[in-house]
């Protein structure tokens, strides 16, 4: 995992998924294990259905890392990069 930032209603993660693993499998593992931990603190917690995924070039890693690390600022100033704020319901 290169970057992680949790907002009130969504999470941004920048991670490497090896080609031998499907995105659906990795998301299932991440949602399942984190849900178990979070429900110990907040019993009513549940993840929304679906997820958004995008790919990027290795050279874009620093740019996307910085974007994720500054989520609070982007949401406060509405300087959101639409292509990095994918939402599926």
Protein backbone atom coordinates (compact mmCIF):
# COMPACT_ATOMS: atom_id res chain seq x y z
CA UNK A 1 0.00 0.00 0.00
CA UNK A 2 1.41 3.33 -1.08
CA UNK A 3 -1.23 5.60 0.48
CA UNK A 4 -4.42 5.39 2.54
CA UNK A 5 -6.78 8.11 3.74
CA UNK A 6 -10.20 7.65 5.28
CA UNK A 7 -12.87 10.31 4.96
CA UNK A 8 -16.26 10.32 6.69
CA UNK A 9 -17.99 8.51 3.87
CA UNK A 10 -15.25 7.01 1.69
CA UNK A 11 -11.71 5.68 1.61
CA UNK A 12 -8.91 6.32 -0.85
CA UNK A 13 -6.23 3.65 -1.22
CA UNK A 14 -3.28 3.54 -3.53
CA UNK A 15 -2.03 0.00 -3.71
CA UNK A 16 -0.30 -2.47 -5.93
CA UNK A 17 -2.27 -5.58 -6.84
CA UNK A 18 -0.21 -8.38 -8.41
CA UNK A 19 -1.55 -9.59 -11.76
CA UNK A 20 -2.22 -13.06 -10.31
CA UNK A 21 -4.91 -11.59 -8.00
CA UNK A 22 -8.19 -10.18 -9.21
CA UNK A 23 -9.27 -6.71 -8.08
CA UNK A 24 -12.56 -8.20 -6.81
CA UNK A 25 -10.67 -10.72 -4.67
CA UNK A 26 -8.44 -8.04 -3.10
CA UNK A 27 -11.38 -5.70 -2.41
CA UNK A 28 -13.32 -8.58 -0.87
CA UNK A 29 -10.40 -9.35 1.47
CA UNK A 30 -9.90 -5.67 2.37
CA UNK A 31 -13.58 -4.99 3.02
CA UNK A 32 -14.07 -8.25 4.91
CA UNK A 33 -11.13 -7.96 7.28
CA UNK A 34 -11.56 -4.23 7.90
CA UNK A 35 -15.30 -4.65 8.46
CA UNK A 36 -14.61 -7.22 11.16
CA UNK A 37 -12.24 -4.83 12.95
CA UNK A 38 -14.41 -1.73 12.57
CA UNK A 39 -17.56 -3.49 13.79
CA UNK A 40 -15.77 -4.21 17.08
CA UNK A 41 -15.68 -0.43 17.60
CA UNK A 42 -18.79 0.65 15.69
CA UNK A 43 -21.36 -2.22 15.56
CA UNK A 44 -23.61 -0.54 12.96
CA UNK A 45 -20.83 -0.18 10.39
CA UNK A 46 -21.17 -1.61 6.90
CA UNK A 47 -19.44 -0.97 3.59
CA UNK A 48 -21.47 0.28 0.65
CA UNK A 49 -22.00 -2.02 -2.30
CA UNK A 50 -19.37 -1.74 -5.00
CA UNK A 51 -16.14 0.16 -5.34
CA UNK A 52 -14.27 2.32 -7.81
CA UNK A 53 -10.91 1.41 -9.31
CA UNK A 54 -8.53 3.12 -11.67
CA UNK A 55 -5.06 2.29 -12.90
CA UNK A 56 -2.08 4.59 -13.27
CA UNK A 57 1.46 4.76 -14.54
CA UNK A 58 4.29 4.19 -12.07
CA UNK A 59 5.45 7.75 -12.81
CA UNK A 60 2.11 9.05 -11.45
CA UNK A 61 2.56 7.41 -8.02
CA UNK A 62 3.93 10.53 -6.27
CA UNK A 63 1.12 12.73 -7.64
CA UNK A 64 -1.64 10.35 -6.56
CA UNK A 65 0.03 9.70 -3.18
CA UNK A 66 0.06 13.43 -2.47
CA UNK A 67 -3.57 13.77 -3.58
CA UNK A 68 -4.67 10.99 -1.22
CA UNK A 69 -2.63 12.36 1.68
CA UNK A 70 -4.34 15.76 1.24
CA UNK A 71 -7.96 14.53 1.07
CA UNK A 72 -9.20 16.78 3.88
CA UNK A 73 -7.88 19.86 2.08
CA UNK A 74 -9.37 18.82 -1.28
CA UNK A 75 -12.80 18.31 0.24
CA UNK A 76 -12.70 21.55 2.24
CA UNK A 77 -11.63 23.65 -0.74
CA UNK A 78 -13.57 21.66 -3.33
CA UNK A 79 -10.37 21.11 -5.30
CA UNK A 80 -11.40 17.53 -5.99
CA UNK A 81 -9.92 15.72 -8.98
CA UNK A 82 -12.98 14.05 -10.50
CA UNK A 83 -10.98 11.21 -12.06
CA UNK A 84 -9.68 10.25 -8.59
CA UNK A 85 -13.08 10.49 -6.90
CA UNK A 86 -14.78 7.57 -8.65
CA UNK A 87 -18.02 6.59 -6.99
CA UNK A 88 -20.18 3.56 -7.66
CA UNK A 89 -23.37 2.74 -5.76
